[in-house]
Amino acid sequence: MNAGQVVVDTGVLMAASDTDDRWQVEASSVLELRSSDQLVLPGPVAVQAAWLIGSRLGPLVEAALLAAIADGEFALTELTPADWARCSELVERYADLDLGVVDASVVAIAERLSITTVASIDRRDLLVVRPAHCDAFELIP
């Protein structure tokens, strides 16, 4: 288990970037209280978050996220072929949830790195999914 590491999901990045979001303070705290090597950011999450932030909050806020990623403020983690296969399994297994590749990538990377904590506002999907390496994820904030 990787004590202190957290897999970061899209909603937390979105909330931390949006001063009007009801989760803004909690999401920002999750990011501020951890070092960059503790904040594991799946590649698909980075892409989805950048697109959502750009479309909802504008290109300058999107650029700030991209600069933070480029500056190493997150441990950007790309999917391996085995992760892609696991994403496929998860999307198929949880088809009724419409899990999708981004949430599946959060699960796959958490499993591969033995991380049990996920920074996510998406309680619905991640409370239902049963990871292979633990009984359930600890969700923060």
C-alpha atoms as a PDB file:
ATOM      1  CA  MET A   1       0.000   0.000   0.000  1.00  0.00           C
ATOM      2  CA  ASN A   2       1.266   3.496  -0.824  1.00  0.00           C
ATOM      3  CA  ALA A   3       0.593   5.462   2.337  1.00  0.00           C
ATOM      4  CA  GLY A   4      -0.266   9.050   1.643  1.00  0.00           C
ATOM      5  CA  GLN A   5      -0.821   8.640  -2.082  1.00  0.00           C
ATOM      6  CA  VAL A   6      -4.186   9.619  -3.489  1.00  0.00           C
ATOM      7  CA  VAL A   7      -5.553   9.074  -6.982  1.00  0.00           C
ATOM      8  CA  VAL A   8      -7.121  12.351  -8.114  1.00  0.00           C
ATOM      9  CA  ASP A   9     -10.401  12.311 -10.048  1.00  0.00           C
ATOM     10  CA  THR A  10     -11.810  14.970 -12.369  1.00  0.00           C
ATOM     11  CA  GLY A  11     -14.392  16.438  -9.990  1.00  0.00           C
ATOM     12  CA  VAL A  12     -11.774  17.448  -7.442  1.00  0.00           C
ATOM     13  CA  LEU A  13      -9.750  19.329 -10.065  1.00  0.00           C
ATOM     14  CA  MET A  14     -12.902  20.971 -11.379  1.00  0.00           C
ATOM     15  CA  ALA A  15     -14.092  21.990  -7.907  1.00  0.00           C
ATOM     16  CA  ALA A  16     -10.682  23.306  -6.861  1.00  0.00           C
ATOM     17  CA  SER A  17     -10.603  25.479  -9.997  1.00  0.00           C
ATOM     18  CA  ASP A  18     -14.089  26.940  -9.545  1.00  0.00           C
ATOM     19  CA  THR A  19     -14.535  29.477  -6.750  1.00  0.00           C
ATOM     20  CA  ASP A  20     -18.315  29.082  -7.035  1.00  0.00           C
ATOM     21  CA  ASP A  21     -18.280  25.292  -6.583  1.00  0.00           C
ATOM     22  CA  ARG A  22     -19.704  24.050  -3.288  1.00  0.00           C
ATOM     23  CA  TRP A  23     -16.770  21.622  -2.980  1.00  0.00           C
ATOM     24  CA  GLN A  24     -14.098  24.254  -3.726  1.00  0.00           C
ATOM     25  CA  VAL A  25     -12.660  24.583  -0.202  1.00  0.00           C
ATOM     26  CA  GLU A  26     -12.572  20.833   0.447  1.00  0.00           C
ATOM     27  CA  ALA A  27     -11.150  20.020  -2.999  1.00  0.00           C
ATOM     28  CA  SER A  28      -8.473  22.694  -2.712  1.00  0.00           C
ATOM     29  CA  SER A  29      -7.498  21.375   0.725  1.00  0.00           C
ATOM     30  CA  VAL A  30      -7.025  17.861  -0.658  1.00  0.00           C
ATOM     31  CA  LEU A  31      -4.596  19.221  -3.247  1.00  0.00           C
ATOM     32  CA  GLU A  32      -2.811  21.720  -0.988  1.00  0.00           C
ATOM     33  CA  LEU A  33      -2.190  19.321   1.906  1.00  0.00           C
ATOM     34  CA  ARG A  34      -0.296  16.776  -0.212  1.00  0.00           C
ATOM     35  CA  SER A  35       2.992  16.838  -2.026  1.00  0.00           C
ATOM     36  CA  SER A  36       3.100  16.412  -5.787  1.00  0.00           C
ATOM     37  CA  ASP A  37       4.334  12.811  -5.529  1.00  0.00           C
ATOM     38  CA  GLN A  38       1.277  11.966  -3.404  1.00  0.00           C
ATOM     39  CA  LEU A  39      -1.207  13.320  -5.979  1.00  0.00           C
ATOM     40  CA  VAL A  40      -1.469  10.586  -8.612  1.00  0.00           C
ATOM     41  CA  LEU A  41      -3.189  11.961 -11.700  1.00  0.00           C
ATOM     42  CA  PRO A  42      -4.291   9.447 -14.354  1.00  0.00           C
ATOM     43  CA  GLY A  43      -3.713  10.710 -17.905  1.00  0.00           C
ATOM     44  CA  PRO A  44      -7.396  10.366 -18.877  1.00  0.00           C
ATOM     45  CA  VAL A  45      -8.407  12.414 -15.811  1.00  0.00           C
ATOM     46  CA  ALA A  46      -5.995  15.196 -16.814  1.00  0.00           C
ATOM     47  CA  VAL A  47      -7.504  15.359 -20.298  1.00  0.00           C
ATOM     48  CA  GLN A  48     -11.119  15.284 -19.093  1.00  0.00           C
ATOM     49  CA  ALA A  49     -10.479  17.870 -16.365  1.00  0.00           C
ATOM     50  CA  ALA A  50      -8.698  20.234 -18.757  1.00  0.00           C
ATOM     51  CA  TRP A  51     -11.541  19.987 -21.264  1.00  0.00           C
ATOM     52  CA  LEU A  52     -14.258  20.526 -18.614  1.00  0.00           C
ATOM     53  CA  ILE A  53     -12.417  23.403 -16.982  1.00  0.00           C
ATOM     54  CA  GLY A  54     -11.787  25.035 -20.354  1.00  0.00           C
ATOM     55  CA  SER A  55     -15.381  24.658 -21.477  1.00  0.00           C
ATOM     56  CA  ARG A  56     -16.921  25.819 -18.188  1.00  0.00           C
ATOM     57  CA  LEU A  57     -14.383  28.206 -16.690  1.00  0.00           C
ATOM     58  CA  GLY A  58     -12.471  29.427 -19.726  1.00  0.00           C
ATOM     59  CA  PRO A  59      -9.098  28.979 -21.391  1.00  0.00           C
ATOM     60  CA  LEU A  60      -7.085  30.862 -18.750  1.00  0.00           C
ATOM     61  CA  VAL A  61      -8.231  28.516 -15.983  1.00  0.00           C
ATOM     62  CA  GLU A  62      -7.571  25.553 -18.259  1.00  0.00           C
ATOM     63  CA  ALA A  63      -4.091  26.890 -18.990  1.00  0.00           C
ATOM     64  CA  ALA A  64      -3.428  27.174 -15.237  1.00  0.00           C
ATOM     65  CA  LEU A  65      -4.245  23.481 -14.794  1.00  0.00           C
ATOM     66  CA  LEU A  66      -2.042  22.530 -17.740  1.00  0.00           C
ATOM     67  CA  ALA A  67       0.827  24.604 -16.311  1.00  0.00           C
ATOM     68  CA  ALA A  68       0.408  22.905 -12.910  1.00  0.00           C
ATOM     69  CA  ILE A  69       0.649  19.504 -14.581  1.00  0.00           C
ATOM     70  CA  ALA A  70       3.676  20.603 -16.626  1.00  0.00           C
ATOM     71  CA  ASP A  71       5.330  21.992 -13.478  1.00  0.00           C
ATOM     72  CA  GLY A  72       5.063  18.596 -11.798  1.00  0.00           C
ATOM     73  CA  GLU A  73       2.402  19.501  -9.242  1.00  0.00           C
ATOM     74  CA  PHE A  74       0.927  16.036  -9.826  1.00  0.00           C
ATOM     75  CA  ALA A  75       2.389  12.584 -10.367  1.00  0.00           C
ATOM     76  CA  LEU A  76       0.974  12.249 -13.883  1.00  0.00           C
ATOM     77  CA  THR A  77       0.460   8.538 -14.515  1.00  0.00           C
ATOM     78  CA  GLU A  78      -0.285   7.126 -17.938  1.00  0.00           C
ATOM     79  CA  LEU A  79      -2.151   3.883 -18.518  1.00  0.00           C
ATOM     80  CA  THR A  80      -0.181   0.753 -19.327  1.00  0.00           C
ATOM     81  CA  PRO A  81      -1.559  -1.883 -21.715  1.00  0.00           C
ATOM     82  CA  ALA A  82      -2.605  -3.905 -18.654  1.00  0.00           C
ATOM     83  CA  ASP A  83      -4.428  -0.831 -17.293  1.00  0.00           C
ATOM     84  CA  TRP A  84      -6.280  -0.444 -20.597  1.00  0.00           C
ATOM     85  CA  ALA A  85      -7.329  -4.101 -20.375  1.00  0.00           C
ATOM     86  CA  ARG A  86      -8.513  -3.553 -16.801  1.00  0.00           C
ATOM     87  CA  CYS A  87     -10.458  -0.457 -17.911  1.00  0.00           C
ATOM     88  CA  SER A  88     -12.181  -2.585 -20.530  1.00  0.00           C
ATOM     89  CA  GLU A  89     -13.124  -5.169 -17.895  1.00  0.00           C
ATOM     90  CA  LEU A  90     -14.439  -2.499 -15.535  1.00  0.00           C
ATOM     91  CA  VAL A  91     -16.461  -0.680 -18.198  1.00  0.00           C
ATOM     92  CA  GLU A  92     -18.050  -3.986 -19.214  1.00  0.00           C
ATOM     93  CA  ARG A  93     -18.633  -5.218 -15.660  1.00  0.00           C
ATOM     94  CA  TYR A  94     -20.198  -1.939 -14.545  1.00  0.00           C
ATOM     95  CA  ALA A  95     -22.066  -1.207 -17.777  1.00  0.00           C
ATOM     96  CA  ASP A  96     -25.200  -0.388 -15.772  1.00  0.00           C
ATOM     97  CA  LEU A  97     -23.296   2.494 -14.125  1.00  0.00           C
ATOM     98  CA  ASP A  98     -22.000   3.817 -17.450  1.00  0.00           C
ATOM     99  CA  LEU A  99     -18.614   3.879 -15.698  1.00  0.00           C
ATOM    100  CA  GLY A 100     -16.548   5.150 -18.627  1.00  0.00           C
ATOM    101  CA  VAL A 101     -12.832   5.106 -19.273  1.00  0.00           C
ATOM    102  CA  VAL A 102     -11.952   8.023 -16.992  1.00  0.00           C
ATOM    103  CA  ASP A 103     -13.437   6.490 -13.840  1.00  0.00           C
ATOM    104  CA  ALA A 104     -12.147   3.079 -14.900  1.00  0.00           C
ATOM    105  CA  SER A 105      -8.650   4.574 -15.238  1.00  0.00           C
ATOM    106  CA  VAL A 106      -8.866   5.855 -11.663  1.00  0.00           C
ATOM    107  CA  VAL A 107      -9.658   2.329 -10.484  1.00  0.00           C
ATOM    108  CA  ALA A 108      -7.039   0.636 -12.684  1.00  0.00           C
ATOM    109  CA  ILE A 109      -4.223   2.937 -11.592  1.00  0.00           C
ATOM    110  CA  ALA A 110      -5.233   2.719  -7.930  1.00  0.00           C
ATOM    111  CA  GLU A 111      -5.151  -1.069  -8.218  1.00  0.00           C
ATOM    112  CA  ARG A 112      -1.778  -1.140  -9.987  1.00  0.00           C
ATOM    113  CA  LEU A 113      -0.176   1.203  -7.458  1.00  0.00           C
ATOM    114  CA  SER A 114      -2.019  -0.306  -4.438  1.00  0.00           C
ATOM    115  CA  ILE A 115      -3.577   3.047  -3.547  1.00  0.00           C
ATOM    116  CA  THR A 116      -6.767   2.849  -1.501  1.00  0.00           C
ATOM    117  CA  THR A 117      -7.635   6.557  -1.265  1.00  0.00           C
ATOM    118  CA  VAL A 118      -9.309   8.420  -4.117  1.00  0.00           C
ATOM    119  CA  ALA A 119      -9.933  12.155  -4.181  1.00  0.00           C
ATOM    120  CA  SER A 120     -13.348  12.267  -5.804  1.00  0.00           C
ATOM    121  CA  ILE A 121     -16.659  14.008  -5.524  1.00  0.00           C
ATOM    122  CA  ASP A 122     -18.239  11.180  -7.569  1.00  0.00           C
ATOM    123  CA  ARG A 123     -19.518   9.079  -4.706  1.00  0.00           C
ATOM    124  CA  ARG A 124     -22.019   7.101  -6.795  1.00  0.00           C
ATOM    125  CA  ASP A 125     -19.673   5.165  -9.061  1.00  0.00           C
ATOM    126  CA  LEU A 126     -16.649   4.781  -6.827  1.00  0.00           C
ATOM    127  CA  LEU A 127     -18.665   3.498  -3.884  1.00  0.00           C
ATOM    128  CA  VAL A 128     -20.205   0.779  -6.066  1.00  0.00           C
ATOM    129  CA  VAL A 129     -17.039  -0.379  -7.845  1.00  0.00           C
ATOM    130  CA  ARG A 130     -15.166  -3.101  -5.982  1.00  0.00           C
ATOM    131  CA  PRO A 131     -11.428  -2.705  -6.510  1.00  0.00           C
ATOM    132  CA  ALA A 132      -9.309  -5.841  -6.767  1.00  0.00           C
ATOM    133  CA  HIS A 133      -6.812  -4.783  -4.076  1.00  0.00           C
ATOM    134  CA  CYS A 134      -9.099  -3.660  -1.224  1.00  0.00           C
ATOM    135  CA  ASP A 135     -12.698  -3.979  -0.074  1.00  0.00           C
ATOM    136  CA  ALA A 136     -13.582  -0.408  -1.031  1.00  0.00           C
ATOM    137  CA  PHE A 137     -11.947   2.931  -1.683  1.00  0.00           C
ATOM    138  CA  GLU A 138     -11.618   5.603   0.954  1.00  0.00           C
ATOM    139  CA  LEU A 139     -13.082   8.669  -0.732  1.00  0.00           C
ATOM    140  CA  ILE A 140     -11.950  12.168   0.146  1.00  0.00           C
ATOM    141  CA  PRO A 141     -12.868  14.959   0.638  1.00  0.00           C
END
